[in-house]
Amino acid sequence: MKKKRSKAAKIKSDKIIITLSLSLTLVGLVALADASAPAALSNFSDKYYYVKQQLLAAGVGVLLMFIFSKVNYRLWEKIALPFFILSVVLLILVLIPGVGTKILGARRWFFIGNYSFQPSEIIKLAIAVYFAKLASKDKKPLSYFIPLIAVGFLIMLQPDLGTAISISIIAFSQIFVSGISLYYFLSAIIVSAVTSAILILTSEYRKDRLMGFIQSTDDPLGKSYHIRQVLLALGAGGIWGVGLGQSRQKYLFLPEAATDSIFAVIAEEIGFVGSSILIFFFALFIFTGLKISQNSQDRFGKVLSVGIVAWIGGQAFLNIASMVALIPITGIPLPFFSFGGSSLIAILVASGILANISKYETKNKRL
């Protein structure tokens, strides 16, 4: 009887992760088709341009998710180092003029025909895998901090503070559960916070975002424009929303409606109640992922699960928190929803790995 209950629990965790990932992807495609239509029509004379791009990425991502949900997750432990090195090489190549493409002052993309590829999304998975391997080998603190500093430096050369923050959340979550000295952990947190503050204050663009958050009633057509439009969308949505497809802010009033600000369009259309349901599903994903980590049969699986949950949960929290004006707008995308093929594929691959870890979980072994 006990074995049957244990088997049922394993199947349940596996199915929850896969079902949530598929559901969030599907809802995300519908939300993107709605939110991006005016901008796509304006920029490409095709209101379905963004969603068609995302649909292709979703197809690739879902296929890879099912493949990696069947592949033993310990394979990632074996290839952790070469995978990490390859990801770092891609971060270097994207900075080279003529190889990487520069858009709006940032050099973050490779373009192959009409399709783009963002290596900073791949490094998130690479960091999660590599740090899990370091934890499984009981490596010393410098083994974590040196590669983290190197990756952070390369990402800030793009520049991309949002991705640097996301990677820091993944890394520090894994470092915390790996069992290194609390002294080193807290010291690294303080250094990272000070560095982030310096990067914000020394960049006019980032400083404007911060000041727009602090002084949201000032300069409504300048620094405060983005956050004010977000708040207008949330206010218009109220409790029940204005109705599916009825957002006004998506008609080129709200900046980045298809990417960073897609949650504001969603909240405007489905209101507080609908948004709360969406947040619940993200919370369920996080809870299930943490249970998988807790029940993992080895240290690698435990720390890798934490990294994946920190990645998806951390990005969801930061994006939604910035949209409800709890923190400044960070430029961090909403997982499964924001436009970006590289991000969606990487997240679905990570979901497949998490689902596979759940197949080997045990409730009897303590790590």
Protein backbone atom coordinates (compact mmCIF):
# COMPACT_ATOMS: atom_id res chain seq x y z
CA MET A 1 0.00 0.00 0.00
CA LYS A 2 2.81 2.41 0.90
CA LYS A 3 4.59 1.75 -2.40
CA LYS A 4 1.40 2.44 -4.31
CA ARG A 5 0.93 5.77 -2.54
CA SER A 6 4.56 6.71 -3.27
CA LYS A 7 4.17 5.86 -6.95
CA ALA A 8 0.99 7.91 -7.15
CA ALA A 9 2.77 10.88 -5.60
CA LYS A 10 5.56 10.65 -8.19
CA ILE A 11 3.12 10.51 -11.09
CA LYS A 12 1.16 13.41 -9.63
CA SER A 13 4.20 15.71 -9.39
CA ASP A 14 5.21 14.83 -12.92
CA LYS A 15 1.75 15.49 -14.31
CA ILE A 16 1.28 18.75 -12.40
CA ILE A 17 4.48 20.26 -13.83
CA ILE A 18 3.72 19.15 -17.40
CA THR A 19 0.06 20.22 -17.19
CA LEU A 20 0.90 23.60 -15.68
CA SER A 21 3.60 24.23 -18.28
CA LEU A 22 1.28 23.36 -21.16
CA SER A 23 -1.60 25.36 -19.70
CA LEU A 24 0.50 28.45 -19.01
CA THR A 25 2.02 28.24 -22.51
CA LEU A 26 -1.41 27.97 -24.14
CA VAL A 27 -2.89 30.83 -22.12
CA GLY A 28 0.30 32.80 -22.76
CA LEU A 29 -0.12 32.42 -26.53
CA VAL A 30 -3.72 33.64 -26.34
CA ALA A 31 -2.70 36.61 -24.16
CA LEU A 32 0.19 37.47 -26.48
CA ALA A 33 -2.02 37.31 -29.58
CA ASP A 34 -4.33 39.80 -27.90
CA ALA A 35 -1.78 42.14 -26.32
CA SER A 36 0.61 42.29 -29.28
CA ALA A 37 -1.87 42.76 -32.12
CA PRO A 38 -1.82 46.61 -32.31
CA ALA A 39 1.99 46.81 -32.10
CA ALA A 40 2.41 43.98 -34.63
CA LEU A 41 0.01 45.68 -37.03
CA SER A 42 1.84 48.99 -36.62
CA ASN A 43 5.36 47.56 -36.98
CA PHE A 44 4.87 44.68 -39.42
CA SER A 45 1.41 45.20 -40.99
CA ASP A 46 0.48 41.79 -39.58
CA LYS A 47 -1.38 41.69 -36.28
CA TYR A 48 -0.42 38.05 -35.79
CA TYR A 49 3.32 38.58 -36.37
CA TYR A 50 4.43 38.19 -32.74
CA VAL A 51 2.15 35.29 -31.90
CA LYS A 52 3.21 33.37 -35.04
CA GLN A 53 6.83 33.71 -33.98
CA GLN A 54 5.95 32.62 -30.46
CA LEU A 55 3.83 29.72 -31.69
CA LEU A 56 6.83 28.26 -33.52
CA ALA A 57 8.98 28.61 -30.37
CA ALA A 58 6.19 27.02 -28.31
CA GLY A 59 6.08 24.03 -30.65
CA VAL A 60 9.84 23.51 -30.37
CA GLY A 61 9.77 24.08 -26.63
CA VAL A 62 6.91 21.67 -25.94
CA LEU A 63 8.59 18.97 -28.02
CA LEU A 64 11.85 19.44 -26.09
CA MET A 65 9.96 19.50 -22.79
CA PHE A 66 8.47 16.06 -23.48
CA ILE A 67 11.83 14.72 -24.66
CA PHE A 68 13.69 15.92 -21.56
CA SER A 69 10.89 14.76 -19.27
CA LYS A 70 11.84 11.24 -20.46
CA VAL A 71 15.64 11.66 -20.38
CA ASN A 72 17.27 10.84 -17.04
CA TYR A 73 18.20 14.18 -15.46
CA ARG A 74 21.62 12.83 -14.41
CA LEU A 75 22.69 13.28 -18.02
CA TRP A 76 22.83 17.02 -17.25
CA GLU A 77 25.30 16.37 -14.44
CA LYS A 78 27.64 14.68 -16.91
CA ILE A 79 27.51 17.51 -19.45
CA ALA A 80 27.28 20.39 -16.93
CA LEU A 81 30.79 21.77 -17.52
CA PRO A 82 30.84 21.69 -21.36
CA PHE A 83 27.29 23.05 -21.44
CA PHE A 84 28.30 25.93 -19.18
CA ILE A 85 31.46 26.67 -21.22
CA LEU A 86 29.48 26.65 -24.48
CA SER A 87 26.94 29.08 -22.97
CA VAL A 88 29.72 31.43 -21.86
CA VAL A 89 31.30 31.30 -25.33
CA LEU A 90 27.93 32.31 -26.82
CA LEU A 91 27.76 35.25 -24.39
CA ILE A 92 31.18 36.36 -25.65
CA LEU A 93 30.32 35.89 -29.34
CA VAL A 94 27.13 37.95 -29.10
CA LEU A 95 29.25 40.95 -28.04
CA ILE A 96 31.34 40.84 -31.22
CA PRO A 97 30.19 43.35 -33.87
CA GLY A 98 29.08 41.55 -37.00
CA VAL A 99 28.31 38.38 -35.06
CA GLY A 100 25.82 39.60 -32.47
CA THR A 101 23.12 42.11 -33.42
CA LYS A 102 22.77 45.47 -31.68
CA ILE A 103 19.22 46.73 -31.14
CA LEU A 104 18.31 49.89 -29.20
CA GLY A 105 21.82 50.11 -27.78
CA ALA A 106 21.92 46.50 -26.54
CA ARG A 107 23.86 43.66 -28.12
CA ARG A 108 21.97 40.53 -26.99
CA TRP A 109 20.85 38.62 -30.07
CA PHE A 110 22.02 36.37 -32.88
CA PHE A 111 19.84 36.56 -35.98
CA ILE A 112 19.36 33.63 -38.34
CA GLY A 113 17.09 34.81 -41.14
CA ASN A 114 13.92 36.18 -39.56
CA TYR A 115 14.54 34.38 -36.27
CA SER A 116 16.53 35.61 -33.30
CA PHE A 117 18.35 33.70 -30.58
CA GLN A 118 19.26 35.16 -27.18
CA PRO A 119 22.15 33.32 -25.46
CA SER A 120 21.43 34.98 -22.11
CA GLU A 121 18.35 32.74 -21.83
CA ILE A 122 20.46 29.62 -22.31
CA ILE A 123 22.93 30.70 -19.61
CA LYS A 124 20.10 30.60 -17.05
CA LEU A 125 19.72 26.86 -17.58
CA ALA A 126 23.49 26.41 -17.80
CA ILE A 127 24.02 28.17 -14.45
CA ALA A 128 21.30 26.07 -12.81
CA VAL A 129 22.86 22.84 -14.10
CA TYR A 130 26.48 23.80 -13.38
CA PHE A 131 25.82 25.06 -9.85
CA ALA A 132 23.86 21.88 -9.09
CA LYS A 133 26.91 19.86 -10.12
CA LEU A 134 29.17 22.04 -7.93
CA ALA A 135 26.84 21.40 -5.00
CA SER A 136 26.86 17.66 -5.63
CA LYS A 137 30.67 17.71 -5.45
CA ASP A 138 30.77 19.91 -2.29
CA LYS A 139 32.86 22.57 -4.00
CA LYS A 140 34.20 25.60 -2.10
CA PRO A 141 32.52 29.06 -2.27
CA LEU A 142 34.94 30.47 -4.88
CA SER A 143 33.88 27.70 -7.27
CA TYR A 144 30.45 29.36 -7.33
CA PHE A 145 31.35 33.04 -7.14
CA ILE A 146 34.05 33.19 -9.82
CA PRO A 147 31.82 31.84 -12.65
CA LEU A 148 28.90 33.93 -11.38
CA ILE A 149 30.98 37.13 -11.52
CA ALA A 150 32.26 36.23 -15.01
CA VAL A 151 28.75 35.59 -16.34
CA GLY A 152 27.38 38.72 -14.68
CA PHE A 153 30.17 40.81 -16.22
CA LEU A 154 29.46 39.47 -19.73
CA ILE A 155 25.74 40.09 -19.39
CA MET A 156 26.25 43.65 -18.17
CA LEU A 157 28.41 44.30 -21.24
CA GLN A 158 25.31 43.70 -23.39
CA PRO A 159 23.92 45.50 -21.18
CA ASP A 160 21.06 43.60 -19.50
CA LEU A 161 20.52 44.23 -15.79
CA GLY A 162 17.22 42.31 -15.77
CA THR A 163 18.90 39.09 -16.90
CA ALA A 164 21.76 39.67 -14.45
CA ILE A 165 19.19 39.90 -11.64
CA SER A 166 17.47 36.71 -12.82
CA ILE A 167 20.75 34.81 -12.90
CA SER A 168 21.66 36.10 -9.46
CA ILE A 169 18.35 34.79 -8.08
CA ILE A 170 19.02 31.36 -9.58
CA ALA A 171 22.61 31.26 -8.35
CA PHE A 172 22.04 32.56 -4.83
CA SER A 173 19.08 30.22 -4.30
CA GLN A 174 21.25 27.26 -5.25
CA ILE A 175 24.22 28.50 -3.22
CA PHE A 176 21.96 28.86 -0.17
CA VAL A 177 20.68 25.27 -0.33
CA SER A 178 24.13 23.90 -1.19
CA GLY A 179 25.18 24.41 2.42
CA ILE A 180 28.09 26.84 2.11
CA SER A 181 28.95 29.12 5.02
CA LEU A 182 26.29 31.72 5.79
CA TYR A 183 29.08 34.30 6.11
CA TYR A 184 30.11 33.88 2.46
CA PHE A 185 26.49 33.82 1.35
CA LEU A 186 25.52 37.06 3.12
CA SER A 187 28.75 38.76 2.03
CA ALA A 188 27.99 37.92 -1.59
CA ILE A 189 24.42 39.22 -1.23
CA ILE A 190 25.69 42.55 0.14
CA VAL A 191 28.30 42.91 -2.62
CA SER A 192 25.66 42.13 -5.28
CA ALA A 193 23.22 44.67 -3.82
CA VAL A 194 25.88 47.40 -3.74
CA THR A 195 26.98 46.55 -7.30
CA SER A 196 23.38 46.68 -8.54
CA ALA A 197 22.86 50.06 -6.89
CA ILE A 198 26.01 51.41 -8.57
CA LEU A 199 24.93 50.06 -11.97
CA ILE A 200 21.52 51.70 -11.61
CA LEU A 201 22.83 55.07 -10.46
CA THR A 202 25.52 55.25 -13.15
CA SER A 203 23.10 54.57 -16.01
CA GLU A 204 20.73 57.35 -17.09
CA TYR A 205 18.23 54.83 -18.47
CA ARG A 206 18.11 52.73 -15.28
CA LYS A 207 18.13 55.82 -13.07
CA ASP A 208 15.16 57.21 -15.01
CA ARG A 209 13.24 53.99 -14.36
CA LEU A 210 14.03 54.22 -10.66
CA MET A 211 13.02 57.87 -10.47
CA GLY A 212 9.87 57.13 -12.44
CA PHE A 213 8.98 54.56 -9.78
CA ILE A 214 9.78 56.87 -6.85
CA GLN A 215 8.13 59.93 -8.38
CA SER A 216 5.30 58.27 -10.29
CA THR A 217 3.15 61.41 -10.25
CA ASP A 218 5.85 63.61 -11.79
CA ASP A 219 6.72 63.92 -15.48
CA PRO A 220 3.71 61.86 -16.72
CA LEU A 221 4.87 62.05 -20.34
CA GLY A 222 8.52 61.34 -19.55
CA LYS A 223 10.18 59.28 -16.82
CA SER A 224 6.88 58.28 -15.18
CA TYR A 225 5.03 57.47 -18.39
CA HIS A 226 5.53 53.70 -18.34
CA ILE A 227 4.52 53.12 -14.72
CA ARG A 228 1.55 55.50 -15.05
CA GLN A 229 0.22 53.60 -18.06
CA VAL A 230 0.63 50.34 -16.16
CA LEU A 231 -1.34 51.74 -13.21
CA LEU A 232 -4.03 53.05 -15.56
CA ALA A 233 -4.39 49.54 -17.00
CA LEU A 234 -4.68 47.98 -13.56
CA GLY A 235 -7.16 50.62 -12.43
CA ALA A 236 -9.31 50.16 -15.51
CA GLY A 237 -9.38 46.40 -14.94
CA GLY A 238 -10.79 46.70 -11.43
CA ILE A 239 -12.20 43.53 -9.89
CA TRP A 240 -13.56 41.72 -12.94
CA GLY A 241 -11.76 43.37 -15.85
CA VAL A 242 -13.00 45.17 -18.95
CA GLY A 243 -13.41 41.92 -20.87
CA LEU A 244 -11.23 39.70 -23.06
CA GLY A 245 -9.83 41.61 -26.01
CA GLN A 246 -11.13 44.93 -24.68
CA SER A 247 -7.89 46.45 -23.35
CA ARG A 248 -7.34 50.06 -24.33
CA GLN A 249 -3.77 50.33 -23.12
CA LYS A 250 -2.56 47.76 -25.65
CA TYR A 251 -3.34 50.25 -28.44
CA LEU A 252 0.19 51.68 -28.30
CA PHE A 253 -0.39 53.54 -25.03
CA LEU A 254 1.40 50.97 -22.87
CA PRO A 255 5.12 50.48 -23.67
CA GLU A 256 6.30 46.88 -24.23
CA ALA A 257 2.75 45.47 -24.12
CA ALA A 258 3.92 42.20 -25.71
CA THR A 259 6.94 41.71 -23.48
CA ASP A 260 7.65 43.28 -20.08
CA SER A 261 4.16 44.77 -19.62
CA ILE A 262 1.95 41.93 -20.82
CA PHE A 263 0.66 41.30 -17.29
CA ALA A 264 -0.79 44.83 -17.22
CA VAL A 265 -2.85 44.07 -20.35
CA ILE A 266 -3.97 40.76 -18.83
CA ALA A 267 -4.96 42.47 -15.56
CA GLU A 268 -6.86 45.15 -17.45
CA GLU A 269 -8.91 42.54 -19.31
CA ILE A 270 -9.54 39.91 -16.61
CA GLY A 271 -9.26 42.11 -13.53
CA PHE A 272 -8.11 41.35 -10.02
CA VAL A 273 -9.95 38.01 -9.84
CA GLY A 274 -8.54 36.65 -13.08
CA SER A 275 -5.05 37.92 -12.29
CA SER A 276 -5.20 36.25 -8.87
CA ILE A 277 -6.03 32.93 -10.54
CA LEU A 278 -3.04 33.34 -12.83
CA ILE A 279 -0.79 34.10 -9.85
CA PHE A 280 -2.19 31.00 -8.10
CA PHE A 281 -1.02 28.79 -10.98
CA PHE A 282 2.47 30.26 -10.78
CA ALA A 283 2.42 29.64 -7.02
CA LEU A 284 1.32 26.04 -7.63
CA PHE A 285 4.23 25.57 -10.04
CA ILE A 286 6.65 26.91 -7.41
CA PHE A 287 5.17 24.78 -4.63
CA THR A 288 5.27 21.61 -6.74
CA GLY A 289 8.85 22.33 -7.81
CA LEU A 290 9.96 22.81 -4.20
CA LYS A 291 8.29 19.53 -3.22
CA ILE A 292 10.18 17.79 -6.01
CA SER A 293 13.41 19.31 -4.69
CA GLN A 294 12.61 18.23 -1.14
CA ASN A 295 11.95 14.65 -2.26
CA SER A 296 14.83 14.39 -4.72
CA GLN A 297 16.94 11.29 -4.24
CA ASP A 298 20.30 13.04 -4.70
CA ARG A 299 21.94 16.40 -4.11
CA PHE A 300 22.23 17.23 -7.81
CA GLY A 301 18.49 16.81 -8.36
CA LYS A 302 17.69 18.75 -5.20
CA VAL A 303 19.80 21.81 -6.09
CA LEU A 304 18.87 21.73 -9.79
CA SER A 305 15.16 21.74 -8.88
CA VAL A 306 15.70 24.76 -6.63
CA GLY A 307 17.49 26.57 -9.46
CA ILE A 308 14.67 25.94 -11.93
CA VAL A 309 12.01 27.02 -9.43
CA ALA A 310 14.01 30.15 -8.51
CA TRP A 311 14.37 30.97 -12.21
CA ILE A 312 10.69 30.67 -13.18
CA GLY A 313 9.23 31.75 -9.85
CA GLY A 314 11.70 34.60 -9.41
CA GLN A 315 11.01 36.04 -12.85
CA ALA A 316 7.25 35.75 -12.37
CA PHE A 317 7.45 37.52 -9.00
CA LEU A 318 9.71 40.34 -10.24
CA ASN A 319 7.64 40.94 -13.36
CA ILE A 320 4.30 41.01 -11.53
CA ALA A 321 5.74 43.03 -8.63
CA SER A 322 6.98 45.68 -11.07
CA MET A 323 3.57 45.77 -12.77
CA VAL A 324 1.76 46.45 -9.47
CA ALA A 325 4.35 49.10 -8.53
CA LEU A 326 5.92 47.19 -5.64
CA ILE A 327 9.34 47.52 -7.26
CA PRO A 328 10.73 49.57 -10.18
CA ILE A 329 10.14 48.21 -13.68
CA THR A 330 13.03 45.81 -14.28
CA GLY A 331 12.56 44.67 -17.86
CA ILE A 332 12.24 41.05 -16.71
CA PRO A 333 9.79 39.02 -18.87
CA LEU A 334 6.83 37.08 -17.49
CA PRO A 335 7.56 33.34 -17.95
CA PHE A 336 5.35 31.56 -20.50
CA PHE A 337 3.67 34.85 -21.48
CA SER A 338 6.10 37.54 -22.64
CA PHE A 339 7.18 37.50 -26.27
CA GLY A 340 10.56 35.85 -26.71
CA GLY A 341 11.20 32.50 -28.32
CA SER A 342 14.54 31.82 -26.63
CA SER A 343 13.02 32.45 -23.21
CA LEU A 344 10.00 30.22 -23.82
CA ILE A 345 12.05 27.33 -25.19
CA ALA A 346 14.53 27.49 -22.30
CA ILE A 347 11.74 27.57 -19.72
CA LEU A 348 9.93 24.60 -21.30
CA VAL A 349 13.18 22.60 -21.40
CA ALA A 350 13.70 23.40 -17.70
CA SER A 351 10.11 22.29 -16.97
CA GLY A 352 10.78 18.99 -18.70
CA ILE A 353 13.92 18.44 -16.60
CA LEU A 354 11.98 19.26 -13.43
CA ALA A 355 9.28 16.76 -14.41
CA ASN A 356 11.93 14.09 -14.95
CA ILE A 357 13.49 14.74 -11.53
CA SER A 358 10.07 14.09 -10.00
CA LYS A 359 10.08 10.57 -11.44
CA TYR A 360 13.02 9.64 -9.24
CA GLU A 361 11.94 11.36 -6.05
CA THR A 362 11.77 9.49 -2.74
CA LYS A 363 10.17 10.43 0.55
CA ASN A 364 12.44 8.25 2.63
CA LYS A 365 15.94 9.54 2.00
CA ARG A 366 17.23 12.70 3.68
CA LEU A 367 20.02 14.73 2.04
